[in-house]
Amino acid sequence: MSTYHEGEVAVQEQAGVRTMSERVGNGIHAEIPEAAREFLSQQPFVVIGARDEVSGRVWASALFGAPGFAEAVDEHTVILAASPDADDPLQCVLSDGTEAAPVAVGLLAIEPATRRRMRLNGDARAVGTGLILTAREVYANCPKYIQARSFTAAGPLEDSPDQVHPVISDRPRHRTTLTPTQAAWVSGADTFFIASIHPESGADASHRGGSPGFLQVGADGKTLLFPDYSGNTMFNTLGNITATGVAGLLFISWQTGDLLQLSGDARVLWDDPRAAGFPGAERLVEFTLREAVERSAVAPLRSVGTVEYSRFNPV
């Protein structure tokens, strides 16, 4: 039986990498290796992705805490001493409740300073102020397109999950189109995170990186276009998009701690002539915004020093 669902297989076949994908898929495990457990315990933040079943929208978000707040207590279980706050679109999805059913969640742990990352896909349920995740798929990714940057804490990391931040009145919280400032943020980004979903295989959270300007925002403030570069040939994200047509994007400002979360429709574009305007693009992804949420000073981390761009970034 294939490691992959039908959407992933369709993309792999169209890309002509099906045999290689099956080989790479041998690196997907149902258990959390000891090295991955240690790596996870060292991280001050993780990215999560899930779908709001009521609205059908997929969201990517981030949780923060002192290293050790994310802990794999055994080969199958991760405890997060943090959960989405009241302003997070995922709060209603991952809220406490004794009768709450587990929610499909994708988790990404990434360490930009070393360009290391791991992905864990499984099911989560809220317990008190935290989350318990049961792993179904665990695997590492290569360091391609990760910009090396270091962080310092802007405030007590231990307080960040429950911290309440004031709303800044001149910055809209919920929108269906990007403001010019938000569009400039997105189009100037060198990194973002993407959440996707499959109805049977579950949720996934992944990383996308490139040189600043590798995303384009349409004049309508709703349409985003970004390239898909050569990668691990699994096509987990593009496979999910092919199967369901939805995604969630997360942008983090490491200068202010602001988070911009976008949810909308997505599709993979093959042989689109606009790909010529994206150096290194093997195909494009078009994202149509349905809702944007901007939250102020959520991340308690700030980037310090010079950003070292990945040598794999197409120029």
Protein backbone atom coordinates (compact mmCIF):
# COMPACT_ATOMS: atom_id res chain seq x y z
CA MET A 1 0.00 0.00 0.00
CA SER A 2 1.28 3.46 -0.86
CA THR A 3 2.38 5.85 1.87
CA TYR A 4 0.49 8.61 0.08
CA HIS A 5 -3.12 9.54 -0.55
CA GLU A 6 -4.63 10.09 -3.98
CA GLY A 7 -3.88 13.83 -4.13
CA GLU A 8 -0.20 13.32 -3.37
CA VAL A 9 0.04 10.48 -5.88
CA ALA A 10 -1.60 12.62 -8.59
CA VAL A 11 0.93 15.43 -8.08
CA GLN A 12 3.86 13.01 -7.92
CA GLU A 13 2.78 11.39 -11.18
CA GLN A 14 2.29 14.69 -12.95
CA ALA A 15 5.71 15.84 -11.73
CA GLY A 16 7.26 12.56 -12.95
CA VAL A 17 8.80 11.63 -9.58
CA ARG A 18 6.58 8.77 -8.43
CA THR A 19 9.35 6.20 -7.94
CA MET A 20 11.53 8.65 -6.02
CA SER A 21 8.56 9.67 -3.89
CA GLU A 22 7.98 6.11 -2.77
CA ARG A 23 11.64 5.81 -1.74
CA VAL A 24 11.53 9.07 0.20
CA GLY A 25 8.29 7.96 1.83
CA ASN A 26 10.22 5.27 3.69
CA GLY A 27 11.38 8.07 5.99
CA ILE A 28 7.86 8.61 7.33
CA HIS A 29 7.37 6.88 10.68
CA ALA A 30 4.49 6.30 13.06
CA GLU A 31 6.78 6.79 16.07
CA ILE A 32 8.73 9.82 17.27
CA PRO A 33 12.46 8.96 17.16
CA GLU A 34 14.63 9.87 20.12
CA ALA A 35 16.52 12.51 18.11
CA ALA A 36 13.22 14.14 17.14
CA ARG A 37 12.05 14.11 20.76
CA GLU A 38 15.20 15.90 21.85
CA PHE A 39 14.95 18.42 19.00
CA LEU A 40 11.33 19.23 19.80
CA SER A 41 12.13 19.87 23.47
CA GLN A 42 14.66 22.55 22.48
CA GLN A 43 12.25 24.73 20.50
CA PRO A 44 10.62 27.98 21.71
CA PHE A 45 7.84 27.81 19.12
CA VAL A 46 5.98 25.41 16.85
CA VAL A 47 3.64 25.96 13.92
CA ILE A 48 0.31 24.15 13.87
CA GLY A 49 -2.32 23.70 11.19
CA ALA A 50 -5.93 22.55 11.43
CA ARG A 51 -9.37 23.08 9.90
CA ASP A 52 -12.42 24.71 11.42
CA GLU A 53 -15.05 22.14 10.49
CA VAL A 54 -17.86 24.67 10.94
CA SER A 55 -16.56 27.17 8.37
CA GLY A 56 -14.43 24.70 6.42
CA ARG A 57 -11.48 27.09 6.63
CA VAL A 58 -7.94 25.92 7.21
CA TRP A 59 -5.64 27.98 9.42
CA ALA A 60 -1.96 27.98 10.30
CA SER A 61 -0.88 29.39 13.64
CA ALA A 62 2.07 29.36 16.04
CA LEU A 63 2.44 28.50 19.71
CA PHE A 64 5.26 29.82 21.89
CA GLY A 65 6.86 28.88 25.17
CA ALA A 66 10.14 28.35 26.96
CA PRO A 67 12.09 25.38 25.52
CA GLY A 68 10.48 22.29 26.91
CA PHE A 69 6.92 23.58 26.48
CA ALA A 70 6.66 21.09 23.59
CA GLU A 71 7.59 17.67 24.90
CA ALA A 72 7.34 14.20 23.39
CA VAL A 73 6.65 12.13 26.47
CA ASP A 74 6.84 8.85 24.58
CA GLU A 75 7.11 7.55 21.01
CA HIS A 76 3.55 8.54 20.15
CA THR A 77 2.55 11.46 22.38
CA VAL A 78 3.44 15.16 22.43
CA ILE A 79 2.29 17.50 25.19
CA LEU A 80 2.16 21.21 24.41
CA ALA A 81 1.98 23.54 27.40
CA ALA A 82 0.25 26.12 25.22
CA SER A 83 -2.89 26.44 23.14
CA PRO A 84 -4.36 29.02 20.74
CA ASP A 85 -5.40 32.21 22.52
CA ALA A 86 -8.81 33.84 22.36
CA ASP A 87 -7.98 35.89 19.24
CA ASP A 88 -6.58 32.94 17.29
CA PRO A 89 -8.91 31.47 14.62
CA LEU A 90 -7.89 28.01 15.86
CA GLN A 91 -9.04 28.71 19.41
CA CYS A 92 -12.56 27.47 18.67
CA VAL A 93 -11.09 24.37 17.00
CA LEU A 94 -8.65 23.44 19.76
CA SER A 95 -10.60 24.52 22.83
CA ASP A 96 -11.00 22.66 26.08
CA GLY A 97 -14.00 20.43 26.57
CA THR A 98 -14.47 17.03 28.10
CA GLU A 99 -16.61 15.85 25.18
CA ALA A 100 -14.43 17.39 22.46
CA ALA A 101 -13.38 14.91 19.79
CA PRO A 102 -9.74 14.81 18.68
CA VAL A 103 -8.89 17.24 15.90
CA ALA A 104 -6.56 16.48 12.98
CA VAL A 105 -3.49 18.69 13.44
CA GLY A 106 -0.23 19.19 11.60
CA LEU A 107 2.75 20.34 13.66
CA LEU A 108 6.01 21.78 12.37
CA ALA A 109 9.03 22.28 14.63
CA ILE A 110 11.65 24.41 12.92
CA GLU A 111 14.96 25.86 14.10
CA PRO A 112 15.96 28.58 11.63
CA ALA A 113 19.41 29.09 13.18
CA THR A 114 20.42 25.53 12.23
CA ARG A 115 17.94 25.03 9.37
CA ARG A 116 16.59 21.88 11.02
CA ARG A 117 12.92 20.96 10.95
CA MET A 118 10.58 18.08 11.66
CA ARG A 119 6.90 17.47 10.92
CA LEU A 120 4.41 15.59 13.02
CA ASN A 121 0.90 14.91 11.80
CA GLY A 122 -1.72 13.42 14.08
CA ASP A 123 -4.70 14.14 16.30
CA ALA A 124 -4.93 16.67 19.11
CA ARG A 125 -7.24 17.34 22.00
CA ALA A 126 -7.25 20.16 24.50
CA VAL A 127 -6.41 19.46 28.12
CA GLY A 128 -6.57 22.43 30.45
CA THR A 129 -4.47 25.21 28.93
CA GLY A 130 -2.50 22.87 26.70
CA LEU A 131 -2.80 20.24 24.00
CA ILE A 132 -2.03 16.55 23.72
CA LEU A 133 -1.08 15.29 20.26
CA THR A 134 -1.04 11.66 19.21
CA ALA A 135 1.34 11.13 16.30
CA ARG A 136 0.42 9.28 13.13
CA GLU A 137 3.24 10.49 10.84
CA VAL A 138 6.64 11.84 11.86
CA TYR A 139 9.45 12.80 9.52
CA ALA A 140 12.29 15.24 8.95
CA ASN A 141 12.74 17.61 6.01
CA CYS A 142 15.85 18.90 4.27
CA PRO A 143 17.24 22.39 5.06
CA LYS A 144 16.41 23.87 1.64
CA TYR A 145 14.99 27.41 1.51
CA ILE A 146 15.24 28.00 5.26
CA GLN A 147 16.72 31.42 6.06
CA ALA A 148 19.14 31.18 8.99
CA ARG A 149 18.18 33.63 11.73
CA SER A 150 18.62 33.73 15.48
CA PHE A 151 16.15 34.89 18.10
CA THR A 152 16.07 36.57 21.44
CA ALA A 153 13.11 36.69 23.80
CA ALA A 154 11.20 39.99 23.81
CA GLY A 155 9.38 38.98 26.99
CA PRO A 156 8.89 36.02 29.32
CA LEU A 157 8.32 33.00 27.11
CA GLU A 158 6.58 31.24 29.96
CA ASP A 159 3.82 33.86 29.92
CA SER A 160 3.25 33.98 26.18
CA PRO A 161 0.47 31.37 25.76
CA ASP A 162 -1.90 33.23 28.09
CA GLN A 163 -0.76 36.76 27.35
CA VAL A 164 -3.45 39.17 26.18
CA HIS A 165 -2.33 41.83 23.75
CA PRO A 166 -4.17 45.08 23.08
CA VAL A 167 -5.90 45.66 19.77
CA ILE A 168 -4.32 48.50 17.82
CA SER A 169 -7.26 50.50 16.51
CA ASP A 170 -5.72 51.63 13.23
CA ARG A 171 -4.93 48.06 12.14
CA PRO A 172 -7.90 45.96 11.05
CA ARG A 173 -8.27 42.62 12.77
CA HIS A 174 -10.44 40.68 10.33
CA ARG A 175 -10.57 41.40 6.62
CA THR A 176 -11.47 39.74 3.33
CA THR A 177 -8.84 41.70 1.39
CA LEU A 178 -5.31 42.66 2.37
CA THR A 179 -4.55 46.25 3.23
CA PRO A 180 -1.65 47.88 1.34
CA THR A 181 0.51 47.43 4.46
CA GLN A 182 -0.39 43.76 4.72
CA ALA A 183 0.20 43.24 1.00
CA ALA A 184 3.66 44.81 1.35
CA TRP A 185 4.36 42.50 4.31
CA VAL A 186 3.41 39.42 2.30
CA SER A 187 5.17 40.43 -0.91
CA GLY A 188 8.37 41.23 0.99
CA ALA A 189 8.45 38.05 3.06
CA ASP A 190 11.25 35.50 2.82
CA THR A 191 9.38 32.88 4.85
CA PHE A 192 5.85 31.76 5.50
CA PHE A 193 4.10 28.67 6.79
CA ILE A 194 1.29 26.78 5.12
CA ALA A 195 -1.38 24.48 6.54
CA SER A 196 -3.35 22.01 4.45
CA ILE A 197 -5.76 19.14 5.02
CA HIS A 198 -6.95 15.83 3.63
CA PRO A 199 -10.29 14.38 4.81
CA GLU A 200 -8.81 10.97 5.65
CA SER A 201 -5.07 11.55 6.02
CA GLY A 202 -5.41 14.60 8.28
CA ALA A 203 -3.74 17.98 8.58
CA ASP A 204 -0.24 19.15 7.73
CA ALA A 205 1.89 22.20 8.53
CA SER A 206 4.86 23.07 6.36
CA HIS A 207 7.42 25.78 5.60
CA ARG A 208 7.97 27.83 2.46
CA GLY A 209 10.97 30.07 1.91
CA GLY A 210 12.69 32.05 -0.81
CA SER A 211 14.31 35.38 -1.53
CA PRO A 212 12.23 38.42 -0.50
CA GLY A 213 9.64 38.99 -3.19
CA PHE A 214 9.07 35.32 -4.00
CA LEU A 215 5.37 35.88 -3.33
CA GLN A 216 3.23 38.15 -5.47
CA VAL A 217 0.03 39.83 -4.29
CA GLY A 218 -2.55 40.74 -6.93
CA ALA A 219 -3.98 44.21 -7.27
CA ASP A 220 -7.26 42.91 -5.85
CA GLY A 221 -5.61 42.28 -2.47
CA LYS A 222 -7.02 38.75 -2.50
CA THR A 223 -4.92 36.73 -4.93
CA LEU A 224 -1.47 35.46 -3.97
CA LEU A 225 0.87 33.64 -6.31
CA PHE A 226 3.98 31.78 -5.19
CA PRO A 227 6.37 29.26 -6.72
CA ASP A 228 6.89 25.63 -5.83
CA TYR A 229 10.59 24.83 -5.92
CA SER A 230 12.42 21.52 -6.17
CA GLY A 231 11.95 19.67 -2.87
CA ASN A 232 11.65 16.28 -1.26
CA THR A 233 9.16 14.95 -3.89
CA MET A 234 6.60 13.98 -1.24
CA PHE A 235 4.24 16.81 -2.26
CA ASN A 236 2.29 16.61 0.99
CA THR A 237 1.10 20.22 0.78
CA LEU A 238 0.39 20.23 -2.96
CA GLY A 239 -1.27 16.83 -2.67
CA ASN A 240 -3.60 18.11 0.02
CA ILE A 241 -4.37 21.22 -2.03
CA THR A 242 -5.10 19.07 -5.07
CA ALA A 243 -7.48 16.93 -3.01
CA THR A 244 -9.31 19.66 -1.09
CA GLY A 245 -8.54 23.06 -2.68
CA VAL A 246 -8.05 24.92 0.61
CA ALA A 247 -5.08 26.16 2.65
CA GLY A 248 -4.03 28.48 5.44
CA LEU A 249 -0.96 30.74 5.43
CA LEU A 250 0.93 32.23 8.37
CA PHE A 251 3.34 35.18 8.27
CA ILE A 252 5.33 36.14 11.37
CA SER A 253 7.04 39.50 11.76
CA TRP A 254 10.16 38.79 13.78
CA GLN A 255 10.63 42.53 14.22
CA THR A 256 7.29 43.29 15.91
CA GLY A 257 5.95 39.88 16.90
CA ASP A 258 2.83 40.42 14.78
CA LEU A 259 1.10 37.46 13.14
CA LEU A 260 -0.86 37.56 9.88
CA GLN A 261 -3.06 34.51 9.29
CA LEU A 262 -4.74 33.95 5.94
CA SER A 263 -7.32 31.32 5.05
CA GLY A 264 -8.68 30.65 1.59
CA ASP A 265 -8.80 28.56 -1.54
CA ALA A 266 -5.72 27.21 -3.28
CA ARG A 267 -4.88 25.44 -6.51
CA VAL A 268 -1.75 24.12 -8.19
CA LEU A 269 -0.97 25.68 -11.57
CA TRP A 270 0.88 23.49 -14.05
CA ASP A 271 2.55 24.99 -17.12
CA ASP A 272 1.30 28.48 -16.30
CA PRO A 273 3.16 31.09 -18.38
CA ARG A 274 3.46 33.31 -15.30
CA ALA A 275 5.98 30.81 -13.89
CA ALA A 276 8.58 32.48 -16.10
CA GLY A 277 8.47 35.43 -13.70
CA PHE A 278 9.51 33.22 -10.75
CA PRO A 279 13.11 32.00 -11.05
CA GLY A 280 13.40 28.34 -10.12
CA ALA A 281 9.66 27.69 -10.13
CA GLU A 282 8.66 24.18 -11.18
CA ARG A 283 4.99 25.08 -10.87
CA LEU A 284 2.90 27.77 -9.16
CA VAL A 285 0.34 27.87 -6.38
CA GLU A 286 -2.50 30.37 -6.53
CA PHE A 287 -4.14 31.30 -3.24
CA THR A 288 -7.42 33.22 -3.04
CA LEU A 289 -8.03 34.92 0.28
CA ARG A 290 -11.31 34.35 2.14
CA GLU A 291 -10.35 35.78 5.53
CA ALA A 292 -7.31 37.49 7.02
CA VAL A 293 -6.61 37.91 10.73
CA GLU A 294 -3.82 40.15 11.97
CA ARG A 295 -2.78 39.91 15.61
CA SER A 296 -0.35 42.29 17.28
CA ALA A 297 2.75 41.40 19.31
CA VAL A 298 1.81 37.73 19.69
CA ALA A 299 5.27 36.25 19.14
CA PRO A 300 7.58 36.81 22.14
CA LEU A 301 10.66 36.27 19.95
CA ARG A 302 12.64 38.83 17.95
CA SER A 303 15.16 38.21 15.20
CA VAL A 304 18.70 39.33 16.03
CA GLY A 305 21.74 39.65 13.79
CA THR A 306 21.94 39.28 10.04
CA VAL A 307 19.61 36.95 8.17
CA GLU A 308 21.58 34.42 6.15
CA TYR A 309 19.54 33.51 3.11
CA SER A 310 19.53 29.92 1.94
CA ARG A 311 21.98 29.11 -0.82
CA PHE A 312 19.17 27.20 -2.47
CA ASN A 313 17.02 30.29 -2.94
CA PRO A 314 16.65 30.99 -6.65
CA VAL A 315 17.91 34.47 -7.49
